[in-house]
Protein backbone atom coordinates (compact mmCIF):
# COMPACT_ATOMS: atom_id res chain seq x y z
CA MET A 1 -15.53 12.59 20.95
CA SER A 2 -19.37 12.21 22.06
CA ALA A 3 -20.24 9.27 24.23
CA SER A 4 -23.59 9.25 22.25
CA GLU A 5 -21.82 8.92 18.79
CA ASN A 6 -19.92 5.83 17.59
CA GLN A 7 -17.44 6.65 14.82
CA GLN A 8 -16.38 3.67 12.63
CA PHE A 9 -14.33 2.51 9.78
CA ARG A 10 -16.14 -0.03 7.72
CA LEU A 11 -14.47 -1.98 4.74
CA ALA A 12 -16.14 -0.65 1.40
CA SER A 13 -14.21 -2.77 -1.11
CA ARG A 14 -11.35 -5.39 -1.36
CA PRO A 15 -8.00 -3.83 -1.66
CA LYS A 16 -5.76 -4.32 -4.70
CA GLY A 17 -2.23 -3.60 -3.74
CA MET A 18 -1.58 -1.01 -1.06
CA PRO A 19 -4.82 -0.30 1.03
CA GLY A 20 -5.79 3.39 0.01
CA ASP A 21 -8.37 5.67 1.38
CA GLU A 22 -10.96 4.48 -1.01
CA LEU A 23 -11.36 1.23 0.78
CA TRP A 24 -13.15 2.83 3.81
CA GLU A 25 -16.43 4.02 4.61
CA GLN A 26 -16.36 6.32 7.61
CA ARG A 27 -19.56 6.28 9.35
CA ASN A 28 -21.00 7.92 12.47
CA GLU A 29 -23.80 5.80 14.31
CA PRO A 30 -25.64 6.08 17.63
CA THR A 31 -23.68 4.33 20.45
CA PRO A 32 -25.18 0.97 21.11
CA THR A 33 -26.68 -0.13 24.26
CA PRO A 34 -25.42 -3.37 26.06
CA GLY A 35 -27.84 -6.35 26.48
CA ASP A 36 -27.50 -9.40 29.02
CA ASN A 37 -23.92 -10.47 29.70
CA GLU A 38 -22.55 -7.63 27.54
CA VAL A 39 -20.31 -4.57 28.11
CA LEU A 40 -20.18 -1.34 26.53
CA VAL A 41 -16.65 0.11 26.06
CA ALA A 42 -14.92 3.12 24.75
CA THR A 43 -11.95 2.39 22.64
CA ARG A 44 -8.73 3.94 23.90
CA TYR A 45 -6.10 2.26 21.78
CA ILE A 46 -6.38 0.17 18.40
CA SER A 47 -3.71 -2.16 17.54
CA LEU A 48 -2.68 -2.08 13.84
CA ASP A 49 -1.10 -5.25 12.56
CA PRO A 50 0.08 -6.63 9.32
CA ALA A 51 -2.44 -9.53 9.61
CA MET A 52 -5.19 -6.93 9.11
CA ARG A 53 -4.05 -6.73 5.48
CA GLY A 54 -4.98 -10.54 5.01
CA TRP A 55 -8.14 -9.99 6.69
CA MET A 56 -9.35 -7.71 4.03
CA ASN A 57 -8.81 -10.29 1.32
CA GLU A 58 -11.67 -12.58 0.05
CA GLY A 59 -10.72 -16.16 0.22
CA LYS A 60 -9.82 -19.13 2.59
CA SER A 61 -7.65 -18.33 5.42
CA TYR A 62 -7.31 -19.08 9.27
CA ILE A 63 -10.15 -16.73 9.92
CA PRO A 64 -13.17 -15.39 7.84
CA PRO A 65 -12.36 -12.23 5.81
CA VAL A 66 -13.88 -9.04 6.90
CA GLY A 67 -17.22 -8.71 5.03
CA ILE A 68 -17.92 -5.61 2.77
CA GLY A 69 -19.77 -3.06 4.71
CA GLU A 70 -18.58 -4.49 8.08
CA VAL A 71 -16.52 -2.62 10.66
CA MET A 72 -13.07 -3.42 10.11
CA ARG A 73 -11.64 -6.06 12.55
CA ALA A 74 -9.16 -4.90 14.97
CA ILE A 75 -7.66 -5.65 18.52
CA ALA A 76 -8.13 -2.75 20.88
CA VAL A 77 -7.70 -1.79 24.78
CA SER A 78 -10.88 -0.02 25.93
CA GLU A 79 -12.59 1.45 29.11
CA VAL A 80 -15.75 -0.14 30.33
CA LEU A 81 -18.56 2.54 30.18
CA GLU A 82 -21.47 0.16 31.00
CA SER A 83 -21.61 -3.47 32.04
CA LYS A 84 -24.23 -5.98 32.17
CA HIS A 85 -21.78 -8.68 32.91
CA ALA A 86 -20.91 -9.86 36.48
CA ASN A 87 -17.05 -9.82 35.72
CA PHE A 88 -16.80 -6.20 34.64
CA LYS A 89 -17.71 -2.79 36.05
CA PRO A 90 -17.64 0.97 34.68
CA GLY A 91 -13.99 2.03 34.70
CA ASP A 92 -12.40 -1.26 34.02
CA HIS A 93 -10.04 -1.46 31.21
CA VAL A 94 -10.18 -4.59 28.87
CA GLY A 95 -8.48 -6.20 25.88
CA GLY A 96 -10.46 -7.78 22.88
CA SER A 97 -11.30 -7.60 19.34
CA THR A 98 -13.49 -4.56 19.22
CA GLY A 99 -12.93 -3.31 15.68
CA VAL A 100 -11.89 0.02 14.28
CA GLN A 101 -14.83 2.24 16.05
CA THR A 102 -14.86 4.43 19.01
CA HIS A 103 -17.28 2.38 21.01
CA ALA A 104 -18.44 -1.36 20.89
CA VAL A 105 -20.76 -3.68 22.64
CA ILE A 106 -19.04 -6.91 23.27
CA LYS A 107 -19.81 -10.14 25.04
CA GLY A 108 -18.07 -10.42 28.25
CA GLU A 109 -16.59 -13.68 27.65
CA GLU A 110 -14.87 -12.10 24.63
CA LEU A 111 -13.05 -9.57 26.89
CA HIS A 112 -10.18 -9.67 29.40
CA LYS A 113 -9.12 -7.37 31.99
CA VAL A 114 -5.90 -5.41 31.73
CA ASP A 115 -4.14 -3.40 34.52
CA PRO A 116 -2.78 0.09 33.75
CA ALA A 117 -1.02 -0.14 37.00
CA ILE A 118 1.15 -2.97 35.86
CA ALA A 119 2.01 -1.58 32.57
CA PRO A 120 0.98 1.40 30.24
CA LEU A 121 -2.24 0.42 28.21
CA PRO A 122 -0.35 0.33 24.85
CA ALA A 123 1.77 -2.34 26.10
CA TYR A 124 -1.21 -4.67 26.24
CA LEU A 125 -1.34 -4.44 22.40
CA SER A 126 2.45 -5.05 22.09
CA VAL A 127 4.46 -7.08 24.42
CA LEU A 128 1.69 -8.14 26.66
CA GLY A 129 -0.58 -8.53 23.71
CA MET A 130 -0.67 -10.52 20.52
CA PRO A 131 3.04 -9.50 19.31
CA GLY A 132 4.30 -10.89 22.59
CA MET A 133 2.16 -13.97 22.37
CA THR A 134 3.32 -14.52 18.80
CA ALA A 135 6.91 -13.98 19.57
CA TYR A 136 7.07 -16.27 22.57
CA PHE A 137 5.12 -19.43 21.03
CA GLY A 138 6.62 -18.77 17.56
CA LEU A 139 10.15 -18.85 18.69
CA LEU A 140 9.86 -21.38 21.82
CA GLU A 141 7.25 -23.76 20.48
CA VAL A 142 7.43 -23.66 16.51
CA GLY A 143 11.16 -22.65 16.54
CA ALA A 144 12.23 -25.18 19.31
CA LEU A 145 14.83 -22.67 20.53
CA ALA A 146 17.80 -24.15 22.33
CA GLU A 147 20.57 -22.64 24.24
CA GLY A 148 23.60 -21.80 21.89
CA ASP A 149 21.41 -21.39 18.76
CA THR A 150 22.07 -18.78 16.23
CA VAL A 151 18.92 -17.08 15.39
CA LEU A 152 18.23 -14.63 12.55
CA VAL A 153 15.19 -12.67 12.85
CA SER A 154 13.66 -10.38 10.04
CA ALA A 155 11.93 -7.20 10.81
CA ALA A 156 13.90 -7.20 14.03
CA SER A 157 12.85 -3.79 15.02
CA GLY A 158 9.18 -4.45 14.69
CA ALA A 159 6.50 -5.37 17.11
CA VAL A 160 7.22 -9.28 16.94
CA GLY A 161 10.74 -9.06 15.89
CA ALA A 162 12.05 -7.06 18.82
CA ILE A 163 10.51 -9.34 21.14
CA VAL A 164 12.00 -12.43 19.47
CA CYS A 165 15.34 -10.96 19.73
CA GLN A 166 15.22 -10.31 23.38
CA ILE A 167 13.75 -13.64 24.22
CA ALA A 168 16.45 -15.40 22.23
CA LYS A 169 19.11 -13.43 24.00
CA THR A 170 17.38 -14.22 27.46
CA LYS A 171 17.78 -17.89 26.40
CA GLY A 172 21.51 -17.83 25.84
CA CYS A 173 21.48 -17.51 21.92
CA LYS A 174 23.41 -15.57 19.32
CA VAL A 175 21.03 -13.15 17.63
CA VAL A 176 21.36 -11.30 14.40
CA GLY A 177 18.71 -9.14 13.17
CA LEU A 178 17.50 -7.72 9.77
CA ALA A 179 16.13 -4.16 9.74
CA GLY A 180 15.49 -1.11 7.40
CA GLY A 181 17.90 1.75 8.13
CA ALA A 182 20.89 2.48 10.36
CA GLU A 183 18.39 3.99 13.17
CA LYS A 184 16.66 0.78 13.55
CA CYS A 185 19.59 -1.46 13.19
CA SER A 186 21.26 0.59 16.03
CA TYR A 187 18.07 -0.02 18.10
CA VAL A 188 18.25 -3.84 17.49
CA VAL A 189 21.89 -3.94 18.70
CA ASP A 190 22.20 -1.18 21.37
CA GLU A 191 18.73 -1.36 22.92
CA LEU A 192 17.42 -4.94 22.24
CA GLY A 193 20.92 -6.64 22.71
CA ALA A 194 21.37 -8.39 19.36
CA ASP A 195 24.82 -9.31 18.28
CA ALA A 196 24.52 -7.73 15.03
CA CYS A 197 21.86 -6.22 12.53
CA ILE A 198 22.06 -6.12 8.73
CA ASN A 199 20.57 -3.21 7.05
CA TYR A 200 18.68 -4.83 4.00
CA LYS A 201 18.23 -1.13 2.60
CA ASN A 202 21.88 -0.82 1.82
CA GLU A 203 23.75 -4.13 2.56
CA ASN A 204 23.94 -7.35 0.62
CA VAL A 205 21.57 -9.80 2.82
CA PHE A 206 23.30 -12.96 1.71
CA ALA A 207 26.77 -11.50 2.43
CA GLY A 208 25.64 -10.11 5.78
CA ILE A 209 24.17 -13.61 6.87
CA GLN A 210 27.56 -15.29 5.93
CA LYS A 211 29.41 -12.76 7.80
CA HIS A 212 27.44 -12.69 10.91
CA CYS A 213 26.26 -16.53 10.96
CA PRO A 214 29.40 -18.31 9.86
CA LYS A 215 28.24 -21.65 11.06
CA GLY A 216 25.01 -21.20 9.66
CA ILE A 217 21.50 -20.41 11.00
CA ASN A 218 19.75 -22.87 13.54
CA VAL A 219 16.44 -20.75 13.86
CA TYR A 220 15.33 -18.24 11.21
CA PHE A 221 12.19 -16.17 12.57
CA ASP A 222 10.63 -14.94 9.49
CA ASN A 223 8.19 -11.77 9.16
CA VAL A 224 8.93 -10.70 5.59
CA GLY A 225 9.06 -13.45 3.07
CA GLY A 226 10.33 -12.68 -0.52
CA GLU A 227 14.02 -12.72 -1.49
CA ILE A 228 15.32 -12.36 2.24
CA LEU A 229 13.71 -15.77 3.00
CA ASP A 230 15.71 -17.30 0.04
CA ASP A 231 18.86 -15.78 1.60
CA ALA A 232 18.03 -17.13 4.91
CA LEU A 233 17.28 -20.80 3.29
CA ALA A 234 20.77 -20.91 1.70
CA ASN A 235 22.42 -20.40 5.07
CA LEU A 236 20.62 -23.00 7.15
CA THR A 237 22.63 -25.47 9.26
CA GLN A 238 21.68 -29.25 9.73
CA GLY A 239 18.25 -29.52 11.59
CA ALA A 240 17.39 -25.76 11.29
CA ARG A 241 13.83 -24.48 11.90
CA VAL A 242 12.32 -21.78 9.95
CA VAL A 243 9.46 -19.98 11.16
CA ILE A 244 7.01 -18.66 9.21
CA CYS A 245 5.39 -15.87 11.16
CA GLY A 246 4.45 -13.39 8.19
CA ALA A 247 5.31 -12.15 4.94
CA VAL A 248 4.67 -8.40 4.96
CA SER A 249 6.68 -7.81 1.64
CA GLN A 250 4.14 -9.93 -0.14
CA TYR A 251 0.89 -8.90 1.41
CA ASN A 252 -0.20 -6.25 -1.24
CA ASP A 253 0.72 -8.29 -4.19
CA MET A 254 -0.83 -11.64 -3.32
CA GLY A 255 -1.54 -12.53 -6.92
CA ASN A 256 2.29 -12.41 -7.61
CA ILE A 257 3.75 -13.92 -4.61
CA TYR A 258 7.52 -14.55 -4.72
CA ALA A 259 8.29 -18.29 -4.36
CA PRO A 260 11.16 -19.51 -2.51
CA LYS A 261 14.02 -20.81 -4.83
CA ASN A 262 16.26 -22.29 -2.20
CA TYR A 263 13.61 -24.56 -0.64
CA MET A 264 15.85 -27.53 -1.32
CA SER A 265 18.10 -26.42 1.50
CA LEU A 266 15.37 -27.72 3.62
CA LEU A 267 15.99 -31.44 2.26
CA ILE A 268 19.73 -30.98 2.31
CA ASN A 269 20.00 -29.86 5.82
CA ARG A 270 17.08 -32.00 7.22
CA ALA A 271 15.54 -28.63 8.11
CA ARG A 272 11.77 -27.77 8.44
CA MET A 273 9.75 -24.63 7.62
CA GLU A 274 6.62 -24.26 9.48
CA GLY A 275 3.91 -21.54 9.60
CA PHE A 276 1.83 -20.95 12.76
CA VAL A 277 -1.05 -18.72 13.83
CA VAL A 278 -0.82 -17.34 17.39
CA PHE A 279 -4.65 -18.11 18.03
CA ASP A 280 -3.92 -21.79 18.17
CA TYR A 281 -2.07 -21.13 21.51
CA GLN A 282 -4.94 -19.07 23.09
CA ASN A 283 -5.46 -21.32 25.97
CA ARG A 284 -1.71 -20.86 26.86
CA TYR A 285 -1.63 -16.98 26.77
CA GLY A 286 -1.40 -16.81 30.52
CA GLU A 287 1.85 -18.83 30.60
CA ALA A 288 3.35 -16.51 28.04
CA ALA A 289 2.20 -13.22 29.75
CA THR A 290 3.58 -14.54 33.17
CA ALA A 291 6.93 -15.14 31.65
CA MET A 292 7.10 -11.81 29.69
CA ALA A 293 6.02 -9.82 32.88
CA GLY A 294 8.84 -11.46 34.58
CA TRP A 295 11.48 -10.52 32.13
CA MET A 296 10.21 -7.00 32.05
CA GLY A 297 10.51 -6.91 35.84
CA GLU A 298 14.07 -8.13 35.48
CA GLY A 299 14.98 -5.49 32.80
CA LYS A 300 15.32 -8.13 30.03
CA LEU A 301 12.51 -7.42 27.86
CA LYS A 302 11.91 -3.78 26.56
CA HIS A 303 9.08 -2.71 24.38
CA LYS A 304 8.59 0.34 22.13
CA GLU A 305 5.18 1.53 20.63
CA ASP A 306 4.83 3.90 17.78
CA ILE A 307 1.65 5.69 18.81
CA VAL A 308 -0.32 7.73 16.19
CA GLU A 309 -3.21 10.03 17.75
CA GLY A 310 -6.32 10.57 16.09
CA PHE A 311 -9.11 8.18 15.18
CA ASP A 312 -9.50 9.74 11.57
CA LYS A 313 -5.85 8.82 10.72
CA PHE A 314 -6.46 5.29 10.60
CA PRO A 315 -6.26 4.66 6.91
CA ALA A 316 -2.99 6.52 6.62
CA THR A 317 -1.50 5.08 9.71
CA LEU A 318 -2.27 1.64 8.57
CA ARG A 319 -0.16 1.89 5.36
CA LYS A 320 2.81 2.74 7.65
CA LEU A 321 3.08 -0.98 8.29
CA PHE A 322 3.75 -1.80 4.44
CA THR A 323 6.10 1.25 3.86
CA GLY A 324 8.31 0.51 6.63
CA ASP A 325 7.64 3.78 8.28
CA ASN A 326 6.41 2.53 11.68
CA PHE A 327 9.20 1.97 14.40
CA GLY A 328 8.12 -0.33 17.10
CA LYS A 329 4.63 -1.61 17.53
CA LEU A 330 1.97 0.41 15.65
CA VAL A 331 -0.97 1.76 17.85
CA LEU A 332 -3.68 4.17 17.08
CA LYS A 333 -4.82 6.49 20.06
CA VAL A 334 -8.34 7.23 19.83
């Protein structure tokens, strides 16, 4: 990869269903030059997240959609090549929203330093990055976790779900995961410490929840939506909290979204269902990162990254998020 050439993936059209190769224009441009208070970075690892599917859609959301012809939005860990900002120097490693490109010029105030001596760079896109922040604030703030709660977690082997499972165990809760396949379920129980894991691919989810949560669910941390959300709603206990983090099962068919049928359970159980966006907690990220690093140091918090090497593989790698083929936090190594 030449430092004088910037490779990019730009959004060429809006997706309909699964995001195919035709959505992207791969373009090579000269590497940009930083201006005052700007930094030129070389991208090392790009975070691939289910939220990216929503960013491609036109329409109102918590963040403006990526425009047609624009570089695809993405969070990345990068290395500083040239700096005209007092806080950064060449060789520093930084995190920020640099997009799906090999190089970027970013305002210094939009970057934060990361230290590869403390944790491997991909960890700053997983447990010490947006998934970790999402798990921390979604579970503890939105989910109002209390010791002794029974916590059900969908996509429990995924980037966010795996961290949710471990935080809940650290806080003295019973944890039941949902995952696709025997290998992922074994990982959730044997590595993450969950009390049980339901294999939604070959088990009856409703029956599995009743078996492993006989007294009901206090907190359901939802990453998938769809029928599994309905099964969880039907098994809530009084005062339960349903945390809507995502709905990956619905993202590729937004015109025909599955609406929950069991929402009356919220009334009957005086429960609440609340969505959240992690960016709302941005001014508290330091608090979460400190807690995460502490748990990691104590051996209470493990992380797993699914790293695919090769910038050209972006379109195919992104689709892994929606087929269930990724195992752990999906990261593209540039």
